[in-house]
Amino acid sequence: MPAQILSGKEVADRILADVAKEVDSLARSGCRPFLAVVRVGDDPASVAYVRGKRKDAARVGILSEEHTFPEETGQEDVCALIDRLNREEGVHGILVQLPLPPHIDEEAIIERIAPEKDVDGFHPVNVGRMVLGQETFLPCTPHGILMMLRHAGVEVRGRHVVVVGRSNIVGKPLANLLLQKREGGNATVTVCHTATPDIGSFTRQADIVVVAAGRPGVLTADMVRVGAVVIDVGINRVEDPSSPRGYRLIGDVAFEEVARKASLITPVPGGVGLVTRAMLLWNTVRAARLAQERRGG
């Protein structure tokens, strides 16, 4: 029996509907959520991501503004803009589109954003709060994955989840959230990475496999057990002369073969990426609500 497809669009639409209701509620009380997006350079993937985020924001009534810099812009100029956005009361969320050019220190830029406006959930303060299980802005992709599993009715508690990848953006925070004693957590978690010998020996034991390795086709059918849930976070561009664009997007999972063994699988495109974008706006609305509360609104 082929795997059921877990559509990111369906989950994202549901999240965005909830966000739109919250935006309307805030607007009636005099607060319009506002997201500032900062982009350095013209990386095609970054341009496309920002365009999608802007479209989603308009759809739910969130105001957004894009600040773009040429590739050669110095770090000081980017920091100066972030400092200004930090001071502006009407700006509730700040997103710096990654990756940044090599001459700019990404960690320094992320730390420059005020934690209460860090809607990506990457600031060390917010990461620390997440690790401790405190209320904070959760990173969008890990939080989105939990939302997808919940939407599909996948029980995480007591299950063995194998996360392939240990990035600060996906692998590490996702493993932490899955471990926590909370809804969507209480899993037994194994993290595999580039130094793990025979990753398949771990993934074959998993009830749920999440692949965020950044390499196409890294998870093959022989690496999953029958009935496993497979979440593919990867987005890889590969050449395809038959495509009008000259390329196509694929995930980190060998989709066709793995789908014949899994019970549930996410597609690429159309999977985790759409939900990640929705969670960014979820965080933006939450930032606006918290700002309103701080002002006594």
Protein backbone atom coordinates (compact mmCIF):
# COMPACT_ATOMS: atom_id res chain seq x y z
CA MET A 1 0.00 0.00 0.00
CA PRO A 2 1.60 3.34 -1.04
CA ALA A 3 2.14 5.91 1.70
CA GLN A 4 -0.43 8.58 2.44
CA ILE A 5 0.84 12.02 1.42
CA LEU A 6 0.99 14.56 4.24
CA SER A 7 0.29 17.80 2.39
CA GLY A 8 2.01 20.89 3.68
CA LYS A 9 -0.54 23.08 1.91
CA GLU A 10 -3.42 21.61 3.86
CA VAL A 11 -1.68 22.15 7.20
CA ALA A 12 -0.42 25.62 6.24
CA ASP A 13 -3.91 26.70 5.13
CA ARG A 14 -5.32 25.71 8.50
CA ILE A 15 -2.58 27.58 10.38
CA LEU A 16 -2.97 30.67 8.21
CA ALA A 17 -6.73 30.67 8.80
CA ASP A 18 -6.09 30.79 12.56
CA VAL A 19 -3.46 33.51 12.06
CA ALA A 20 -5.90 35.61 10.00
CA LYS A 21 -8.46 35.46 12.82
CA GLU A 22 -5.85 36.63 15.32
CA VAL A 23 -4.74 39.44 12.99
CA ASP A 24 -8.36 40.59 12.72
CA SER A 25 -8.72 40.53 16.51
CA LEU A 26 -5.54 42.57 16.96
CA ALA A 27 -6.55 45.04 14.27
CA ARG A 28 -9.87 45.69 16.02
CA SER A 29 -7.91 46.64 19.14
CA GLY A 30 -5.69 49.04 17.18
CA CYS A 31 -2.65 46.80 16.53
CA ARG A 32 -1.69 45.66 13.03
CA PRO A 33 1.07 43.00 13.09
CA PHE A 34 4.11 44.13 11.11
CA LEU A 35 6.98 41.98 9.82
CA ALA A 36 10.27 43.47 8.59
CA VAL A 37 12.33 41.24 6.29
CA VAL A 38 16.02 41.90 5.68
CA ARG A 39 17.78 40.37 2.67
CA VAL A 40 21.40 40.81 1.57
CA GLY A 41 22.24 39.87 -2.03
CA ASP A 42 20.15 38.26 -4.74
CA ASP A 43 20.42 34.54 -4.02
CA PRO A 44 17.58 33.06 -6.14
CA ALA A 45 16.35 30.75 -3.38
CA SER A 46 16.29 33.61 -0.87
CA VAL A 47 14.44 35.86 -3.30
CA ALA A 48 11.83 33.12 -3.85
CA TYR A 49 11.44 32.45 -0.11
CA VAL A 50 10.97 36.13 0.70
CA ARG A 51 8.43 36.49 -2.11
CA GLY A 52 6.45 33.58 -0.69
CA LYS A 53 6.56 34.98 2.83
CA ARG A 54 5.39 38.38 1.59
CA LYS A 55 2.50 36.73 -0.26
CA ASP A 56 1.46 34.76 2.85
CA ALA A 57 1.61 37.91 5.00
CA ALA A 58 -0.65 39.83 2.63
CA ARG A 59 -3.08 36.90 2.57
CA VAL A 60 -3.65 37.04 6.34
CA GLY A 61 -3.50 40.83 6.74
CA ILE A 62 -0.02 41.14 8.21
CA LEU A 63 1.87 44.23 7.09
CA SER A 64 5.34 43.50 5.76
CA GLU A 65 8.28 45.45 4.42
CA GLU A 66 11.37 44.12 2.68
CA HIS A 67 14.76 45.78 3.18
CA THR A 68 17.29 44.69 0.56
CA PHE A 69 21.03 45.28 0.41
CA PRO A 70 23.54 44.57 -2.36
CA GLU A 71 25.76 41.50 -1.94
CA GLU A 72 28.80 43.60 -1.02
CA THR A 73 27.08 45.46 1.84
CA GLY A 74 29.12 45.59 5.03
CA GLN A 75 28.01 44.10 8.33
CA GLU A 76 27.83 47.53 9.97
CA ASP A 77 25.10 48.67 7.59
CA VAL A 78 23.00 45.58 8.28
CA CYS A 79 23.45 46.03 12.03
CA ALA A 80 22.44 49.69 11.78
CA LEU A 81 19.18 48.71 10.09
CA ILE A 82 18.44 46.04 12.69
CA ASP A 83 19.10 48.54 15.49
CA ARG A 84 16.59 50.92 13.90
CA LEU A 85 13.97 48.19 13.47
CA ASN A 86 14.50 47.14 17.09
CA ARG A 87 13.61 50.67 18.19
CA GLU A 88 10.48 51.01 16.05
CA GLU A 89 7.39 50.22 18.10
CA GLY A 90 5.32 49.45 15.03
CA VAL A 91 7.67 46.66 13.92
CA HIS A 92 6.76 43.45 15.73
CA GLY A 93 8.89 40.88 13.95
CA ILE A 94 12.30 40.98 12.27
CA LEU A 95 13.45 38.27 9.89
CA VAL A 96 16.95 38.24 8.42
CA GLN A 97 16.92 35.91 5.41
CA LEU A 98 19.68 33.31 5.59
CA PRO A 99 22.20 32.49 4.32
CA LEU A 100 24.09 35.78 4.40
CA PRO A 101 27.16 36.49 2.25
CA PRO A 102 30.37 34.94 3.66
CA HIS A 103 31.82 38.28 4.80
CA ILE A 104 28.92 38.82 7.23
CA ASP A 105 28.89 37.07 10.62
CA GLU A 106 25.48 35.37 10.78
CA GLU A 107 25.68 34.73 14.53
CA ALA A 108 26.39 38.40 15.22
CA ILE A 109 23.45 39.46 13.05
CA ILE A 110 21.05 37.04 14.74
CA GLU A 111 22.18 38.20 18.19
CA ARG A 112 21.60 41.82 17.14
CA ILE A 113 17.85 41.24 16.78
CA ALA A 114 15.86 42.02 19.91
CA PRO A 115 14.69 38.67 21.37
CA GLU A 116 11.10 39.92 21.53
CA LYS A 117 11.19 40.54 17.74
CA ASP A 118 13.08 37.37 16.81
CA VAL A 119 10.25 35.61 14.98
CA ASP A 120 12.66 33.04 13.52
CA GLY A 121 13.41 31.80 17.04
CA PHE A 122 17.19 31.82 16.46
CA HIS A 123 18.37 34.31 19.09
CA PRO A 124 20.38 32.64 21.90
CA VAL A 125 17.90 33.94 24.48
CA ASN A 126 14.98 32.28 22.70
CA VAL A 127 16.97 29.11 22.06
CA GLY A 128 17.79 28.93 25.78
CA ARG A 129 14.15 29.39 26.72
CA MET A 130 13.16 26.66 24.28
CA VAL A 131 15.70 24.21 25.74
CA LEU A 132 14.36 24.92 29.23
CA GLY A 133 10.78 24.40 28.07
CA GLN A 134 9.82 28.03 28.70
CA GLU A 135 7.42 30.11 26.61
CA THR A 136 9.24 31.64 23.65
CA PHE A 137 9.31 31.88 19.86
CA LEU A 138 9.96 28.36 18.59
CA PRO A 139 12.03 27.90 15.41
CA CYS A 140 9.60 27.77 12.49
CA THR A 141 10.61 24.50 10.81
CA PRO A 142 10.75 22.30 13.97
CA HIS A 143 7.51 23.82 15.26
CA GLY A 144 5.93 23.33 11.85
CA ILE A 145 6.92 19.65 11.83
CA LEU A 146 5.21 19.16 15.19
CA MET A 147 2.10 20.85 13.79
CA MET A 148 2.12 18.54 10.76
CA LEU A 149 2.39 15.44 12.91
CA ARG A 150 -0.44 16.66 15.13
CA HIS A 151 -2.60 17.47 12.10
CA ALA A 152 -2.05 13.95 10.73
CA GLY A 153 -2.92 12.38 14.09
CA VAL A 154 0.56 10.89 14.52
CA GLU A 155 1.22 10.01 18.16
CA VAL A 156 4.71 11.11 19.21
CA ARG A 157 4.60 10.16 22.87
CA GLY A 158 6.59 7.00 23.50
CA ARG A 159 7.59 6.63 19.86
CA HIS A 160 11.14 6.34 18.56
CA VAL A 161 12.01 9.33 16.37
CA VAL A 162 15.25 9.43 14.39
CA VAL A 163 16.37 12.88 13.25
CA VAL A 164 18.95 12.89 10.46
CA GLY A 165 20.81 16.20 10.66
CA ARG A 166 22.08 18.32 13.55
CA SER A 167 21.78 21.90 12.30
CA ASN A 168 20.91 24.72 14.67
CA ILE A 169 17.91 25.53 12.47
CA VAL A 170 16.23 22.11 12.31
CA GLY A 171 17.98 19.06 13.78
CA LYS A 172 19.00 20.25 17.24
CA PRO A 173 15.86 22.24 18.12
CA LEU A 174 13.56 19.54 16.75
CA ALA A 175 15.27 16.86 18.84
CA ASN A 176 14.91 19.06 21.90
CA LEU A 177 11.20 19.73 21.33
CA LEU A 178 10.48 16.05 20.73
CA LEU A 179 12.18 15.17 24.03
CA GLN A 180 10.28 17.68 26.14
CA LYS A 181 7.57 16.65 28.58
CA ARG A 182 4.83 18.46 26.69
CA GLU A 183 2.22 17.99 24.00
CA GLY A 184 3.98 16.92 20.83
CA GLY A 185 6.93 15.63 22.85
CA ASN A 186 7.77 12.71 25.15
CA ALA A 187 9.43 10.83 22.31
CA THR A 188 12.60 8.76 22.45
CA VAL A 189 14.96 10.59 20.11
CA THR A 190 18.08 9.55 18.21
CA VAL A 191 20.07 12.12 16.24
CA CYS A 192 22.22 10.96 13.31
CA HIS A 193 24.72 13.10 11.41
CA THR A 194 27.71 13.02 9.08
CA ALA A 195 29.88 11.23 11.65
CA THR A 196 27.28 8.52 12.36
CA PRO A 197 28.38 5.14 10.97
CA ASP A 198 25.60 3.24 9.19
CA ILE A 199 22.73 5.70 9.60
CA GLY A 200 20.37 3.04 8.23
CA SER A 201 20.91 0.87 11.30
CA PHE A 202 19.22 3.63 13.31
CA THR A 203 16.53 4.76 10.85
CA ARG A 204 15.32 1.18 10.39
CA GLN A 205 14.39 1.15 14.09
CA ALA A 206 12.39 4.38 13.90
CA ASP A 207 8.64 4.86 14.08
CA ILE A 208 9.19 8.38 12.69
CA VAL A 209 12.13 9.54 10.57
CA VAL A 210 12.82 13.24 10.01
CA VAL A 211 15.47 13.95 7.39
CA ALA A 212 17.16 17.36 7.38
CA ALA A 213 20.58 16.46 5.99
CA GLY A 214 20.72 18.86 3.04
CA ARG A 215 21.67 16.12 0.59
CA PRO A 216 19.33 14.69 -2.05
CA GLY A 217 18.30 11.06 -1.73
CA VAL A 218 20.15 10.42 1.51
CA LEU A 219 17.27 8.27 2.87
CA THR A 220 16.52 5.25 0.67
CA ALA A 221 13.92 2.49 0.95
CA ASP A 222 16.31 0.01 2.57
CA MET A 223 16.78 2.51 5.43
CA VAL A 224 13.15 2.56 6.65
CA ARG A 225 10.89 -0.07 8.08
CA VAL A 226 7.44 -0.79 6.69
CA GLY A 227 4.84 1.60 8.10
CA ALA A 228 7.24 4.33 9.24
CA VAL A 229 6.29 8.01 9.09
CA VAL A 230 8.80 9.98 7.00
CA ILE A 231 9.18 13.77 7.17
CA ASP A 232 11.41 15.24 4.46
CA VAL A 233 12.79 18.69 5.32
CA GLY A 234 15.30 18.92 2.47
CA ILE A 235 14.95 21.19 -0.54
CA ASN A 236 17.62 20.50 -3.16
CA ARG A 237 17.88 21.95 -6.65
CA VAL A 238 19.00 19.42 -9.27
CA GLU A 239 19.51 19.94 -12.98
CA ASP A 240 16.65 18.78 -15.20
CA PRO A 241 16.86 19.71 -18.91
CA SER A 242 13.24 18.59 -19.38
CA SER A 243 12.01 21.27 -16.98
CA PRO A 244 11.25 24.77 -18.33
CA ARG A 245 13.41 26.17 -15.54
CA GLY A 246 16.27 23.75 -16.24
CA TYR A 247 16.05 22.29 -12.75
CA ARG A 248 13.64 20.66 -10.32
CA LEU A 249 13.35 20.56 -6.55
CA ILE A 250 13.73 17.32 -4.63
CA GLY A 251 14.06 16.44 -0.96
CA ASP A 252 16.55 14.49 1.09
CA VAL A 253 14.40 11.35 0.72
CA ALA A 254 14.32 9.07 -2.32
CA PHE A 255 10.59 9.76 -2.49
CA GLU A 256 9.26 7.18 -4.94
CA GLU A 257 10.94 4.18 -3.35
CA VAL A 258 10.45 5.22 0.26
CA ALA A 259 6.77 6.00 -0.36
CA ARG A 260 6.23 2.33 -1.17
CA LYS A 261 7.21 1.36 2.41
CA ALA A 262 6.19 4.33 4.57
CA SER A 263 2.70 4.82 5.96
CA LEU A 264 2.90 8.61 5.73
CA ILE A 265 5.35 10.85 3.86
CA THR A 266 5.75 14.56 3.09
CA PRO A 267 6.33 15.69 -0.50
CA VAL A 268 8.96 18.12 -1.81
CA PRO A 269 7.94 20.67 -2.84
CA GLY A 270 4.59 21.13 -1.13
CA GLY A 271 5.53 19.77 2.28
CA VAL A 272 7.42 21.16 5.26
CA GLY A 273 8.44 24.39 3.51
CA LEU A 274 4.90 25.72 3.28
CA VAL A 275 4.27 25.06 6.96
CA THR A 276 7.56 26.72 7.91
CA ARG A 277 6.38 29.90 6.20
CA ALA A 278 3.06 29.73 8.03
CA MET A 279 4.78 29.35 11.41
CA LEU A 280 6.79 32.52 10.76
CA LEU A 281 3.52 34.45 10.59
CA TRP A 282 2.24 32.57 13.65
CA ASN A 283 5.27 33.91 15.54
CA THR A 284 4.79 37.42 14.11
CA VAL A 285 1.22 37.59 15.39
CA ARG A 286 2.35 36.31 18.78
CA ALA A 287 5.05 39.01 18.87
CA ALA A 288 2.42 41.66 18.11
CA ARG A 289 0.15 40.36 20.86
CA LEU A 290 3.00 40.38 23.39
CA ALA A 291 4.02 43.91 22.36
CA GLN A 292 0.45 45.06 22.87
CA GLU A 293 0.38 43.49 26.33
CA ARG A 294 3.65 45.19 27.28
CA ARG A 295 2.10 48.54 26.32
CA GLY A 296 -0.94 47.73 28.44
CA GLY A 297 -3.27 47.41 25.41
